[in-house]
Structures are given as C-alpha cells and as structure tokens.
Amino acid sequence: MEDRYKHHKIVASTWQLSDSGHWEPRILVTWNEGQQKKTKPLVFTRAFSTERGAELEGLKLARQWIDDGKPELAVGPT
C-alpha cells in the first residue's frame, strides 16, 4: 500500500508473525531535503489480527511521525 502525505511517499507493507499469525506494519518513508533524497524505515512492534489493519495503522503512525517533525526513533534497550 502506498500513500503520499506532505511531500512524503509512504510505502506500507506487513510482516506476519510466525508464532501468533498476527501482522506487524513495516513502513518506508521517502522525501527530499534540498537536493538530497532521504529514506527512513519505520518498524512498529505492535501486532494486528489482519494484514489490512497493520497496513492502515502503519500509514497512520507514519503520518504522525511526519507531523511530529520526524524524530529519531528508539531502536531498543541499550
């Protein structure tokens, strides 16, 4: 699934969890800063019962990330 939001291209795909059969969104956001193309993968560890639900929530979370100014995302415990 693909979306355009505030001059950003958002591509949503999903990953099915083998243990539960639930789905996690996988998001790739692309945009231009000046002459430079930027790409950021966004991984959300929230699982959904349907693939469509995971895609839609991933798009929603990507839009929120853009609206929040594209902050650095935590990658896990250090």
C-alpha atoms as a PDB file:
ATOM      1  CA  MET A   1       0.000   0.000   0.000  1.00  0.00           C
ATOM      2  CA  GLU A   2       1.332   3.426  -0.926  1.00  0.00           C
ATOM      3  CA  ASP A   3       0.379   6.918   0.213  1.00  0.00           C
ATOM      4  CA  ARG A   4       1.577  10.496  -0.279  1.00  0.00           C
ATOM      5  CA  TYR A   5       1.493  12.842   2.700  1.00  0.00           C
ATOM      6  CA  LYS A   6       3.014  16.337   2.980  1.00  0.00           C
ATOM      7  CA  HIS A   7       5.533  15.722   0.172  1.00  0.00           C
ATOM      8  CA  HIS A   8       6.494  12.303   1.583  1.00  0.00           C
ATOM      9  CA  LYS A   9       5.979   8.929  -0.055  1.00  0.00           C
ATOM     10  CA  ILE A  10       4.885   6.288   2.444  1.00  0.00           C
ATOM     11  CA  VAL A  11       5.037   2.618   1.475  1.00  0.00           C
ATOM     12  CA  ALA A  12       3.363   0.220   3.895  1.00  0.00           C
ATOM     13  CA  SER A  13       3.971  -3.497   3.897  1.00  0.00           C
ATOM     14  CA  THR A  14       3.500  -6.098   6.599  1.00  0.00           C
ATOM     15  CA  TRP A  15       5.260  -8.958   8.277  1.00  0.00           C
ATOM     16  CA  GLN A  16       3.356 -11.955   9.579  1.00  0.00           C
ATOM     17  CA  LEU A  17       4.494 -13.236  12.953  1.00  0.00           C
ATOM     18  CA  SER A  18       5.065 -16.973  12.811  1.00  0.00           C
ATOM     19  CA  ASP A  19       4.151 -17.643  16.444  1.00  0.00           C
ATOM     20  CA  SER A  20       0.744 -15.889  16.502  1.00  0.00           C
ATOM     21  CA  GLY A  21      -0.182 -15.351  12.858  1.00  0.00           C
ATOM     22  CA  HIS A  22      -0.701 -11.655  13.611  1.00  0.00           C
ATOM     23  CA  TRP A  23       0.709  -8.888  11.413  1.00  0.00           C
ATOM     24  CA  GLU A  24       3.178  -6.064  12.090  1.00  0.00           C
ATOM     25  CA  PRO A  25       3.453  -2.981   9.861  1.00  0.00           C
ATOM     26  CA  ARG A  26       6.706  -2.232   8.048  1.00  0.00           C
ATOM     27  CA  ILE A  27       6.918   1.296   6.706  1.00  0.00           C
ATOM     28  CA  LEU A  28       9.339   3.064   4.378  1.00  0.00           C
ATOM     29  CA  VAL A  29       9.130   6.875   4.176  1.00  0.00           C
ATOM     30  CA  THR A  30      10.921   8.753   1.368  1.00  0.00           C
ATOM     31  CA  TRP A  31      11.237  12.526   0.934  1.00  0.00           C
ATOM     32  CA  ASN A  32      13.563  15.188  -0.455  1.00  0.00           C
ATOM     33  CA  GLU A  33      15.586  17.622   1.635  1.00  0.00           C
ATOM     34  CA  GLY A  34      17.016  20.145  -0.795  1.00  0.00           C
ATOM     35  CA  GLN A  35      18.713  18.107  -3.500  1.00  0.00           C
ATOM     36  CA  GLN A  36      19.098  15.037  -1.282  1.00  0.00           C
ATOM     37  CA  LYS A  37      16.666  12.114  -1.227  1.00  0.00           C
ATOM     38  CA  LYS A  38      16.073  10.725   2.277  1.00  0.00           C
ATOM     39  CA  THR A  39      14.646   7.343   3.195  1.00  0.00           C
ATOM     40  CA  LYS A  40      13.675   6.119   6.644  1.00  0.00           C
ATOM     41  CA  PRO A  41      12.360   2.669   7.533  1.00  0.00           C
ATOM     42  CA  LEU A  42       9.870   2.703  10.400  1.00  0.00           C
ATOM     43  CA  VAL A  43       9.281  -0.514  12.321  1.00  0.00           C
ATOM     44  CA  PHE A  44       6.427  -0.734  14.785  1.00  0.00           C
ATOM     45  CA  THR A  45       6.250  -3.753  17.083  1.00  0.00           C
ATOM     46  CA  ARG A  46       2.505  -3.572  17.626  1.00  0.00           C
ATOM     47  CA  ALA A  47       0.725  -6.609  16.144  1.00  0.00           C
ATOM     48  CA  PHE A  48      -2.661  -6.658  14.411  1.00  0.00           C
ATOM     49  CA  SER A  49      -5.027  -9.505  13.671  1.00  0.00           C
ATOM     50  CA  THR A  50      -5.350  -8.558   9.985  1.00  0.00           C
ATOM     51  CA  GLU A  51      -2.838  -7.581   7.335  1.00  0.00           C
ATOM     52  CA  ARG A  52      -5.046  -4.654   6.253  1.00  0.00           C
ATOM     53  CA  GLY A  53      -5.280  -3.372   9.829  1.00  0.00           C
ATOM     54  CA  ALA A  54      -1.489  -3.442  10.152  1.00  0.00           C
ATOM     55  CA  GLU A  55      -1.054  -1.520   6.876  1.00  0.00           C
ATOM     56  CA  LEU A  56      -3.601   1.141   7.799  1.00  0.00           C
ATOM     57  CA  GLU A  57      -2.179   1.642  11.274  1.00  0.00           C
ATOM     58  CA  GLY A  58       1.326   1.813   9.819  1.00  0.00           C
ATOM     59  CA  LEU A  59       0.239   4.616   7.478  1.00  0.00           C
ATOM     60  CA  LYS A  60      -1.389   6.444  10.385  1.00  0.00           C
ATOM     61  CA  LEU A  61       1.732   6.132  12.538  1.00  0.00           C
ATOM     62  CA  ALA A  62       3.959   7.298   9.656  1.00  0.00           C
ATOM     63  CA  ARG A  63       1.810  10.406   9.173  1.00  0.00           C
ATOM     64  CA  GLN A  64       2.058  11.119  12.901  1.00  0.00           C
ATOM     65  CA  TRP A  65       5.851  10.683  12.763  1.00  0.00           C
ATOM     66  CA  ILE A  66       5.990  13.231   9.910  1.00  0.00           C
ATOM     67  CA  ASP A  67       3.703  15.649  11.797  1.00  0.00           C
ATOM     68  CA  ASP A  68       5.947  15.309  14.874  1.00  0.00           C
ATOM     69  CA  GLY A  69       8.947  16.534  12.867  1.00  0.00           C
ATOM     70  CA  LYS A  70      10.457  13.101  12.081  1.00  0.00           C
ATOM     71  CA  PRO A  71      12.061  12.497  15.486  1.00  0.00           C
ATOM     72  CA  GLU A  72      14.672   9.811  15.993  1.00  0.00           C
ATOM     73  CA  LEU A  73      13.037   6.536  16.950  1.00  0.00           C
ATOM     74  CA  ALA A  74      14.248   4.333  19.774  1.00  0.00           C
ATOM     75  CA  VAL A  75      15.806   1.137  18.500  1.00  0.00           C
ATOM     76  CA  GLY A  76      15.533  -0.820  21.734  1.00  0.00           C
ATOM     77  CA  PRO A  77      17.232  -1.123  25.105  1.00  0.00           C
ATOM     78  CA  THR A  78      20.869  -0.119  25.348  1.00  0.00           C
END
